N, C-alpha and C. Protein backbone atom coordinates (compact mmCIF):
# COMPACT_ATOMS: atom_id res chain seq x y z
N UNK A 1 12.72 16.48 -43.26
CA UNK A 1 12.94 15.06 -43.06
C UNK A 1 11.42 14.76 -42.45
N UNK A 2 10.90 13.81 -43.17
CA UNK A 2 9.65 13.45 -42.55
C UNK A 2 9.79 12.30 -41.50
N UNK A 3 8.88 12.29 -40.51
CA UNK A 3 8.92 11.45 -39.53
C UNK A 3 8.71 10.04 -39.93
N UNK A 4 9.43 9.23 -39.21
CA UNK A 4 9.05 7.83 -39.54
C UNK A 4 7.85 7.33 -38.97
N UNK A 5 7.26 6.33 -39.78
CA UNK A 5 6.03 5.76 -39.47
C UNK A 5 6.15 4.89 -38.35
N UNK A 6 4.92 4.70 -37.59
CA UNK A 6 5.01 3.94 -36.39
C UNK A 6 4.75 2.45 -36.89
N UNK A 7 5.61 1.55 -36.40
CA UNK A 7 5.32 0.02 -36.77
C UNK A 7 3.96 -0.58 -36.25
N UNK A 8 3.73 -1.52 -37.04
CA UNK A 8 2.63 -2.16 -36.76
C UNK A 8 2.54 -2.96 -35.34
N UNK A 9 3.72 -3.23 -34.80
CA UNK A 9 3.80 -3.88 -33.72
C UNK A 9 3.87 -2.83 -32.49
N UNK A 10 4.33 -1.67 -32.64
CA UNK A 10 4.29 -0.59 -31.85
C UNK A 10 2.98 0.07 -31.79
N UNK A 11 2.11 -0.07 -32.87
CA UNK A 11 0.79 0.59 -32.99
C UNK A 11 -0.21 -0.41 -31.90
N UNK A 12 0.22 -1.64 -32.05
CA UNK A 12 -0.56 -2.79 -31.38
C UNK A 12 -0.38 -2.47 -29.93
N UNK A 13 1.07 -2.08 -29.71
CA UNK A 13 1.08 -1.89 -28.08
C UNK A 13 0.75 -0.57 -27.44
N UNK A 14 0.64 0.56 -28.31
CA UNK A 14 0.00 1.79 -27.87
C UNK A 14 -1.39 1.46 -27.90
N UNK A 15 -2.22 0.81 -28.56
CA UNK A 15 -3.68 0.53 -28.46
C UNK A 15 -4.00 -0.37 -27.17
N UNK A 16 -3.09 -1.09 -27.11
CA UNK A 16 -3.14 -2.20 -25.79
C UNK A 16 -3.04 -1.14 -24.54
N UNK A 17 -2.01 -0.39 -24.37
CA UNK A 17 -1.78 0.36 -23.48
C UNK A 17 -3.14 1.42 -23.05
N UNK A 18 -3.36 1.97 -24.04
CA UNK A 18 -4.71 2.89 -24.10
C UNK A 18 -6.07 2.02 -23.63
N UNK A 19 -6.13 0.89 -23.84
CA UNK A 19 -7.33 0.12 -23.28
C UNK A 19 -6.81 -0.14 -21.88
N UNK A 20 -5.87 -0.43 -21.42
CA UNK A 20 -5.27 -0.60 -20.03
C UNK A 20 -5.47 0.63 -19.34
N UNK A 21 -5.29 1.73 -19.84
CA UNK A 21 -5.45 3.07 -18.95
C UNK A 21 -6.99 3.14 -18.94
N UNK A 22 -7.71 2.92 -19.88
CA UNK A 22 -9.23 3.03 -19.87
C UNK A 22 -9.72 2.10 -18.41
N UNK A 23 -9.29 0.91 -18.53
CA UNK A 23 -9.68 -0.07 -17.55
C UNK A 23 -9.13 0.34 -16.10
N UNK A 24 -8.12 0.83 -16.04
CA UNK A 24 -7.47 1.34 -14.62
C UNK A 24 -8.36 2.62 -14.27
N UNK A 25 -8.68 3.26 -15.18
CA UNK A 25 -9.50 4.61 -14.68
C UNK A 25 -10.83 4.05 -14.10
N UNK A 26 -11.45 3.26 -14.80
CA UNK A 26 -12.89 2.54 -14.15
C UNK A 26 -12.44 1.97 -12.96
N UNK A 27 -11.35 0.96 -12.89
CA UNK A 27 -10.95 0.28 -11.50
C UNK A 27 -10.83 1.27 -10.38
N UNK A 28 -10.19 2.35 -10.74
CA UNK A 28 -9.78 3.41 -9.65
C UNK A 28 -10.89 4.60 -9.49
N UNK A 29 -11.96 4.24 -10.16
CA UNK A 29 -13.04 5.27 -9.93
C UNK A 29 -12.73 6.70 -10.34
N UNK A 30 -11.88 6.91 -11.40
CA UNK A 30 -11.39 8.13 -11.74
C UNK A 30 -10.34 8.86 -10.57
N UNK A 31 -9.76 8.11 -9.77
CA UNK A 31 -9.08 8.69 -8.66
C UNK A 31 -7.57 8.44 -8.99
N UNK A 32 -6.66 9.31 -8.35
CA UNK A 32 -5.19 8.93 -8.23
C UNK A 32 -4.93 7.85 -7.38
N UNK A 33 -4.21 7.00 -7.41
CA UNK A 33 -3.85 5.95 -6.50
C UNK A 33 -3.20 6.37 -5.37
N UNK A 34 -2.36 7.47 -5.62
CA UNK A 34 -1.57 8.02 -4.44
C UNK A 34 -2.27 8.98 -3.50
N UNK A 35 -2.85 10.14 -4.12
CA UNK A 35 -3.49 11.35 -3.14
C UNK A 35 -4.88 11.07 -3.34
N UNK A 36 -5.63 10.42 -4.34
CA UNK A 36 -7.03 10.31 -4.42
C UNK A 36 -7.74 11.41 -5.10
N UNK A 37 -7.05 12.20 -5.60
CA UNK A 37 -7.72 13.55 -6.36
C UNK A 37 -8.35 12.79 -7.71
N UNK A 38 -9.10 13.55 -8.23
CA UNK A 38 -9.67 13.25 -9.54
C UNK A 38 -8.90 13.40 -10.69
N UNK A 39 -9.01 12.39 -11.49
CA UNK A 39 -8.12 12.36 -12.61
C UNK A 39 -8.68 13.07 -13.86
N UNK A 40 -9.65 13.70 -13.63
CA UNK A 40 -10.53 14.10 -14.72
C UNK A 40 -9.69 15.04 -15.83
N UNK A 41 -8.75 15.83 -15.18
CA UNK A 41 -7.79 16.74 -15.90
C UNK A 41 -6.61 16.22 -16.46
N UNK A 42 -6.27 15.19 -16.04
CA UNK A 42 -5.04 14.58 -16.72
C UNK A 42 -4.27 13.30 -15.81
N UNK A 43 -3.75 12.49 -16.49
CA UNK A 43 -3.26 11.35 -15.72
C UNK A 43 -2.11 10.73 -16.19
N UNK A 44 -1.36 9.77 -15.56
CA UNK A 44 -0.16 9.21 -16.16
C UNK A 44 -0.17 7.70 -15.58
N UNK A 45 -0.01 6.75 -16.63
CA UNK A 45 -0.01 5.65 -16.32
C UNK A 45 1.46 5.18 -15.63
N UNK A 46 1.51 4.76 -14.32
CA UNK A 46 2.86 4.49 -13.71
C UNK A 46 2.92 2.98 -13.54
N UNK A 47 4.12 2.46 -14.04
CA UNK A 47 4.55 0.85 -13.95
C UNK A 47 5.30 0.85 -12.53
N UNK A 48 4.62 0.00 -11.60
CA UNK A 48 5.34 -0.13 -10.57
C UNK A 48 6.69 -0.96 -10.85
N UNK A 49 6.88 -2.00 -11.43
CA UNK A 49 8.22 -2.48 -11.69
C UNK A 49 8.29 -1.97 -13.27
N UNK A 50 9.57 -1.26 -13.32
CA UNK A 50 9.93 -0.72 -14.56
C UNK A 50 10.09 -1.89 -15.67
N UNK A 51 9.97 -1.39 -17.00
CA UNK A 51 9.94 -2.38 -18.11
C UNK A 51 11.62 -2.92 -17.78
N UNK A 52 12.58 -1.99 -17.70
CA UNK A 52 13.98 -2.33 -17.74
C UNK A 52 14.31 -3.26 -16.44
N UNK A 53 13.35 -3.30 -15.49
CA UNK A 53 13.79 -4.39 -14.41
C UNK A 53 12.61 -5.51 -14.67
N UNK A 54 12.08 -5.81 -16.03
CA UNK A 54 11.44 -6.81 -16.20
C UNK A 54 9.67 -6.76 -15.78
N UNK A 55 9.37 -5.50 -15.72
CA UNK A 55 7.81 -5.29 -15.57
C UNK A 55 7.16 -5.32 -16.75
N UNK A 56 5.89 -5.83 -16.76
CA UNK A 56 5.21 -5.74 -17.86
C UNK A 56 4.17 -4.63 -18.07
N UNK A 57 4.30 -3.77 -19.12
CA UNK A 57 3.49 -2.44 -19.37
C UNK A 57 2.15 -2.78 -19.45
N UNK A 58 1.75 -4.21 -19.69
CA UNK A 58 0.29 -4.52 -20.04
C UNK A 58 -0.15 -5.20 -18.77
N UNK A 59 0.43 -5.29 -17.67
CA UNK A 59 -0.12 -6.07 -16.72
C UNK A 59 -0.91 -5.15 -15.81
N UNK A 60 -2.22 -5.42 -15.31
CA UNK A 60 -2.91 -4.55 -14.62
C UNK A 60 -2.49 -4.40 -13.16
N UNK A 61 -1.74 -5.68 -12.89
CA UNK A 61 -1.31 -5.54 -11.43
C UNK A 61 0.04 -4.72 -11.25
N UNK A 62 0.71 -4.29 -12.32
CA UNK A 62 1.92 -3.92 -12.28
C UNK A 62 1.58 -2.26 -12.74
N UNK A 63 0.35 -1.84 -13.07
CA UNK A 63 0.31 -0.22 -13.39
C UNK A 63 -0.80 0.11 -12.38
N UNK A 64 -0.70 1.39 -12.36
CA UNK A 64 -1.68 2.51 -11.87
C UNK A 64 -1.80 3.72 -12.38
N UNK A 65 -2.75 4.35 -12.23
CA UNK A 65 -3.02 5.77 -12.78
C UNK A 65 -2.70 6.73 -11.72
N UNK A 66 -1.83 7.67 -11.90
CA UNK A 66 -1.43 8.74 -10.80
C UNK A 66 -1.70 10.16 -11.47
N UNK A 67 -2.07 10.92 -10.67
CA UNK A 67 -2.07 12.40 -11.19
C UNK A 67 -0.74 12.98 -11.54
N UNK A 68 -0.54 13.82 -12.26
CA UNK A 68 0.69 14.33 -12.75
C UNK A 68 1.68 14.81 -11.87
N UNK A 69 1.09 15.36 -10.79
CA UNK A 69 2.29 15.64 -9.51
C UNK A 69 2.66 14.45 -8.97
N UNK A 70 1.81 13.59 -8.51
CA UNK A 70 2.17 12.38 -7.93
C UNK A 70 3.10 11.46 -8.81
N UNK A 71 2.88 11.46 -9.98
CA UNK A 71 3.77 10.83 -11.18
C UNK A 71 5.13 11.34 -11.11
N UNK A 72 5.01 12.59 -11.15
CA UNK A 72 6.45 13.31 -11.12
C UNK A 72 7.07 12.81 -9.63
N UNK A 73 6.52 12.90 -8.39
CA UNK A 73 7.10 12.59 -7.32
C UNK A 73 7.67 11.06 -7.20
N UNK A 74 6.91 10.15 -7.82
CA UNK A 74 7.56 8.89 -7.95
C UNK A 74 8.82 8.63 -8.82
N UNK A 75 9.02 9.84 -9.57
CA UNK A 75 10.18 9.86 -10.42
C UNK A 75 11.17 10.86 -9.95
N UNK A 76 10.88 11.44 -8.67
CA UNK A 76 11.87 12.40 -8.24
C UNK A 76 11.86 13.74 -8.81
N UNK A 77 10.69 14.12 -9.51
CA UNK A 77 10.47 15.29 -10.19
C UNK A 77 9.31 16.15 -9.41
N UNK A 78 9.57 17.42 -9.06
CA UNK A 78 8.51 18.18 -8.42
C UNK A 78 7.97 19.03 -9.44
N UNK A 79 6.71 18.54 -9.53
CA UNK A 79 5.52 19.41 -10.64
C UNK A 79 4.77 20.04 -9.60
N UNK A 80 4.69 21.37 -9.74
CA UNK A 80 3.49 22.25 -9.18
C UNK A 80 2.57 22.66 -10.04
N UNK A 81 1.40 22.18 -9.54
CA UNK A 81 0.05 22.53 -10.33
C UNK A 81 -0.69 23.66 -9.61
N UNK A 82 -0.31 24.81 -9.88
CA UNK A 82 -1.10 25.96 -9.25
C UNK A 82 -2.31 26.33 -10.23
């Protein structure tokens, strides 16, 4: 069964989120907002107020970049990066 194609609206949303992530990376000097480690190896965009609670995923003041272990902690998941 072939995968469903991404809608035009969703494609625009993904592009806007990608641009926001790049903007946040520059704003945070490439560092995790929680622990301050360098995000060069990977990051996750964290929404302070979740979409389900009325948060805007494209609001720069509602989003921050976190390293993967810190992002996991925010969601109650323990990720060890050895």
